[in-house]
Every structure is written in structure tokens, then in C-alpha cells.
């Protein structure tokens, strides 16, 4: 495969398996070795190791554009 995926805060991804609430779309809230994501169906928030998340991503629903990203404080 081609290295590390480019993930950004605000991206919405579709994972391979649906959450128990039935939705499979997740918003990325925080990045690092562990990624903090929120289910768009029920609002549940979970930490998942970045490597595990990258393997589970099926597609990008929405990717944040360069102008949409928040400037660092």
C-alpha cells in the first residue's frame, strides 16, 4: 500500500463495519498515535489506534479542504 493516510480533523470517514447504532460514518475529532472519532449516528466518541483506523477505513465521505482547516493556536 502507499504509506500513511492523510487524515485531518473534521474529515468524515466510512468504516468497514457499522457501529451498533447502525451508522458507519465517523468524524475525526483529534489526531495522534490514537485517533479520537465520533459516530455520526449516535454521537458516541471513542479512541482508536491510528493503524487500526487506517485499516478499517472504507471511504472518505467528506475531506476537509486546505481553507477549511482551523489555524493552529
N, C-alpha and C. Protein backbone atom coordinates (compact mmCIF):
# COMPACT_ATOMS: atom_id res chain seq x y z
N UNK A 1 0.85 -1.17 0.00
CA UNK A 1 0.00 0.00 0.00
C UNK A 1 0.89 1.24 0.00
N UNK A 2 0.30 2.40 0.14
CA UNK A 2 1.05 3.63 -0.06
C UNK A 2 1.34 4.45 1.17
N UNK A 3 1.80 3.87 2.24
CA UNK A 3 2.21 4.66 3.40
C UNK A 3 1.04 5.09 4.27
N UNK A 4 1.23 6.22 4.94
CA UNK A 4 0.25 6.73 5.89
C UNK A 4 -0.84 7.52 5.17
N UNK A 5 -2.09 7.30 5.56
CA UNK A 5 -3.19 8.08 5.00
C UNK A 5 -3.13 9.50 5.52
N UNK A 6 -3.53 10.45 4.70
CA UNK A 6 -3.59 11.84 5.14
C UNK A 6 -4.96 12.07 5.78
N UNK A 7 -4.96 12.10 7.10
CA UNK A 7 -6.19 12.34 7.86
C UNK A 7 -6.12 13.74 8.46
N UNK A 8 -7.26 14.40 8.56
CA UNK A 8 -7.32 15.74 9.13
C UNK A 8 -8.51 15.82 10.07
N UNK A 9 -8.40 16.68 11.07
CA UNK A 9 -9.53 16.92 11.97
C UNK A 9 -10.68 17.47 11.13
N UNK A 10 -11.86 16.90 11.31
CA UNK A 10 -13.03 17.32 10.54
C UNK A 10 -13.39 16.38 9.40
N UNK A 11 -12.46 15.51 9.00
CA UNK A 11 -12.76 14.53 7.96
C UNK A 11 -13.86 13.59 8.45
N UNK A 12 -14.71 13.15 7.53
CA UNK A 12 -15.73 12.15 7.83
C UNK A 12 -15.39 10.91 7.01
N UNK A 13 -15.25 9.77 7.71
CA UNK A 13 -14.88 8.53 7.04
C UNK A 13 -15.97 7.48 7.23
N UNK A 14 -16.03 6.56 6.27
CA UNK A 14 -16.94 5.42 6.34
C UNK A 14 -16.08 4.21 6.68
N UNK A 15 -16.44 3.50 7.77
CA UNK A 15 -15.67 2.33 8.17
C UNK A 15 -16.30 1.06 7.62
N UNK A 16 -15.52 -0.01 7.60
CA UNK A 16 -15.98 -1.27 7.01
C UNK A 16 -17.16 -1.90 7.76
N UNK A 17 -17.13 -1.83 9.08
CA UNK A 17 -18.22 -2.41 9.87
C UNK A 17 -19.04 -1.30 10.50
N UNK A 18 -20.37 -1.43 10.50
CA UNK A 18 -21.19 -0.39 11.13
C UNK A 18 -21.10 -0.43 12.66
N UNK A 19 -21.33 0.71 13.28
CA UNK A 19 -21.43 0.83 14.73
C UNK A 19 -22.72 0.12 15.15
N UNK A 20 -22.84 -0.34 16.39
CA UNK A 20 -24.08 -0.99 16.82
C UNK A 20 -25.34 -0.15 16.62
N UNK A 21 -25.20 1.18 16.54
CA UNK A 21 -26.38 2.04 16.30
C UNK A 21 -26.84 1.93 14.85
N UNK A 22 -26.00 1.35 13.97
CA UNK A 22 -26.37 1.16 12.58
C UNK A 22 -25.65 2.07 11.60
N UNK A 23 -25.02 3.13 12.08
CA UNK A 23 -24.33 4.05 11.18
C UNK A 23 -22.87 3.64 11.02
N UNK A 24 -22.29 3.92 9.86
CA UNK A 24 -20.88 3.57 9.63
C UNK A 24 -20.03 4.80 9.31
N UNK A 25 -20.58 6.01 9.58
CA UNK A 25 -19.86 7.25 9.32
C UNK A 25 -19.31 7.82 10.63
N UNK A 26 -18.04 8.23 10.60
CA UNK A 26 -17.36 8.75 11.78
C UNK A 26 -16.64 10.04 11.43
N UNK A 27 -16.68 11.01 12.35
CA UNK A 27 -15.95 12.26 12.19
C UNK A 27 -14.68 12.21 13.02
N UNK A 28 -13.57 12.65 12.44
CA UNK A 28 -12.28 12.68 13.16
C UNK A 28 -12.23 13.96 14.00
N UNK A 29 -12.05 13.78 15.31
CA UNK A 29 -12.02 14.91 16.22
C UNK A 29 -10.61 15.28 16.67
N UNK A 30 -9.70 14.29 16.75
CA UNK A 30 -8.35 14.54 17.22
C UNK A 30 -7.41 13.51 16.61
N UNK A 31 -6.22 13.94 16.25
CA UNK A 31 -5.24 13.04 15.63
C UNK A 31 -4.02 12.87 16.50
N UNK A 32 -3.38 11.73 16.35
CA UNK A 32 -2.16 11.40 17.07
C UNK A 32 -1.90 9.92 16.85
N UNK A 33 -1.17 9.28 17.76
CA UNK A 33 -0.98 7.84 17.68
C UNK A 33 -2.33 7.14 17.84
N UNK A 34 -3.17 7.71 18.70
CA UNK A 34 -4.57 7.29 18.82
C UNK A 34 -5.42 8.40 18.22
N UNK A 35 -6.49 8.01 17.55
CA UNK A 35 -7.37 8.98 16.90
C UNK A 35 -8.69 8.99 17.65
N UNK A 36 -9.21 10.18 17.93
CA UNK A 36 -10.48 10.35 18.62
C UNK A 36 -11.54 10.57 17.55
N UNK A 37 -12.54 9.68 17.47
CA UNK A 37 -13.57 9.77 16.44
C UNK A 37 -14.96 9.77 17.09
N UNK A 38 -15.94 10.33 16.35
CA UNK A 38 -17.31 10.42 16.85
C UNK A 38 -18.25 9.81 15.82
N UNK A 39 -19.12 8.91 16.28
CA UNK A 39 -20.13 8.30 15.41
C UNK A 39 -21.15 9.37 15.04
N UNK A 40 -21.46 9.49 13.76
CA UNK A 40 -22.43 10.49 13.33
C UNK A 40 -23.87 10.02 13.51
N UNK A 41 -24.05 8.76 13.88
CA UNK A 41 -25.40 8.25 14.13
C UNK A 41 -25.87 8.54 15.54
N UNK A 42 -25.05 8.18 16.52
CA UNK A 42 -25.47 8.29 17.92
C UNK A 42 -24.63 9.27 18.74
N UNK A 43 -23.49 9.73 18.19
CA UNK A 43 -22.65 10.68 18.90
C UNK A 43 -21.61 10.05 19.82
N UNK A 44 -21.55 8.74 19.86
CA UNK A 44 -20.57 8.04 20.71
C UNK A 44 -19.16 8.43 20.28
N UNK A 45 -18.28 8.70 21.24
CA UNK A 45 -16.90 9.09 20.96
C UNK A 45 -15.97 8.00 21.47
N UNK A 46 -15.00 7.63 20.64
CA UNK A 46 -14.05 6.58 21.03
C UNK A 46 -12.64 6.92 20.53
N UNK A 47 -11.64 6.43 21.26
CA UNK A 47 -10.25 6.47 20.82
C UNK A 47 -9.97 5.16 20.11
N UNK A 48 -9.26 5.23 19.01
CA UNK A 48 -8.86 4.02 18.28
C UNK A 48 -7.43 4.24 17.80
N UNK A 49 -6.58 3.23 17.91
CA UNK A 49 -5.20 3.39 17.40
C UNK A 49 -5.23 3.75 15.92
N UNK A 50 -4.36 4.68 15.52
CA UNK A 50 -4.34 5.18 14.14
C UNK A 50 -4.17 4.04 13.13
N UNK A 51 -3.29 3.10 13.42
CA UNK A 51 -3.03 1.98 12.49
C UNK A 51 -4.31 1.18 12.28
N UNK A 52 -5.04 0.92 13.36
CA UNK A 52 -6.28 0.15 13.27
C UNK A 52 -7.34 0.92 12.47
N UNK A 53 -7.43 2.23 12.72
CA UNK A 53 -8.40 3.06 11.98
C UNK A 53 -8.08 3.06 10.49
N UNK A 54 -6.80 3.22 10.14
CA UNK A 54 -6.42 3.26 8.73
C UNK A 54 -6.81 1.97 8.01
N UNK A 55 -6.69 0.83 8.69
CA UNK A 55 -7.08 -0.45 8.09
C UNK A 55 -8.59 -0.55 7.91
N UNK A 56 -9.35 0.08 8.81
CA UNK A 56 -10.81 -0.05 8.79
C UNK A 56 -11.52 0.95 7.89
N UNK A 57 -10.82 1.97 7.40
CA UNK A 57 -11.46 2.98 6.55
C UNK A 57 -11.81 2.37 5.20
N UNK A 58 -13.08 2.51 4.84
CA UNK A 58 -13.58 2.03 3.56
C UNK A 58 -13.57 3.15 2.53
N UNK A 59 -13.96 4.36 2.97
CA UNK A 59 -14.02 5.52 2.06
C UNK A 59 -14.06 6.81 2.86
N UNK A 60 -13.74 7.90 2.17
CA UNK A 60 -13.89 9.23 2.76
C UNK A 60 -15.24 9.78 2.31
N UNK A 61 -16.09 10.18 3.26
CA UNK A 61 -17.37 10.78 2.94
C UNK A 61 -17.15 12.27 2.67
N UNK A 62 -16.33 12.90 3.53
CA UNK A 62 -16.00 14.32 3.38
C UNK A 62 -14.57 14.53 3.84
N UNK A 63 -13.79 15.18 3.00
CA UNK A 63 -12.43 15.52 3.39
C UNK A 63 -12.33 17.03 3.52
N UNK A 64 -11.69 17.47 4.58
CA UNK A 64 -11.52 18.88 4.85
C UNK A 64 -10.54 19.46 3.84
N UNK A 65 -10.92 20.57 3.21
CA UNK A 65 -10.05 21.25 2.26
C UNK A 65 -9.04 22.12 2.99
N UNK A 66 -8.01 22.54 2.31
CA UNK A 66 -6.95 23.36 2.92
C UNK A 66 -7.51 24.62 3.58
N UNK A 67 -8.45 25.29 2.96
CA UNK A 67 -9.01 26.52 3.51
C UNK A 67 -9.97 26.30 4.67
N UNK A 68 -10.51 25.08 4.81
CA UNK A 68 -11.47 24.77 5.87
C UNK A 68 -10.79 24.46 7.20
N UNK A 69 -9.52 24.05 7.16
CA UNK A 69 -8.82 23.65 8.38
C UNK A 69 -8.64 24.83 9.31
N UNK A 70 -8.72 24.52 10.61
CA UNK A 70 -8.50 25.55 11.60
C UNK A 70 -7.01 25.85 11.71
N UNK A 71 -6.69 27.12 11.89
CA UNK A 71 -5.29 27.52 12.06
C UNK A 71 -4.83 27.11 13.46
N UNK A 72 -3.60 26.65 13.62
CA UNK A 72 -3.11 26.28 14.95
C UNK A 72 -3.07 27.51 15.86
N UNK A 73 -3.31 27.32 17.16
CA UNK A 73 -3.35 28.47 18.08
C UNK A 73 -2.01 29.11 18.28
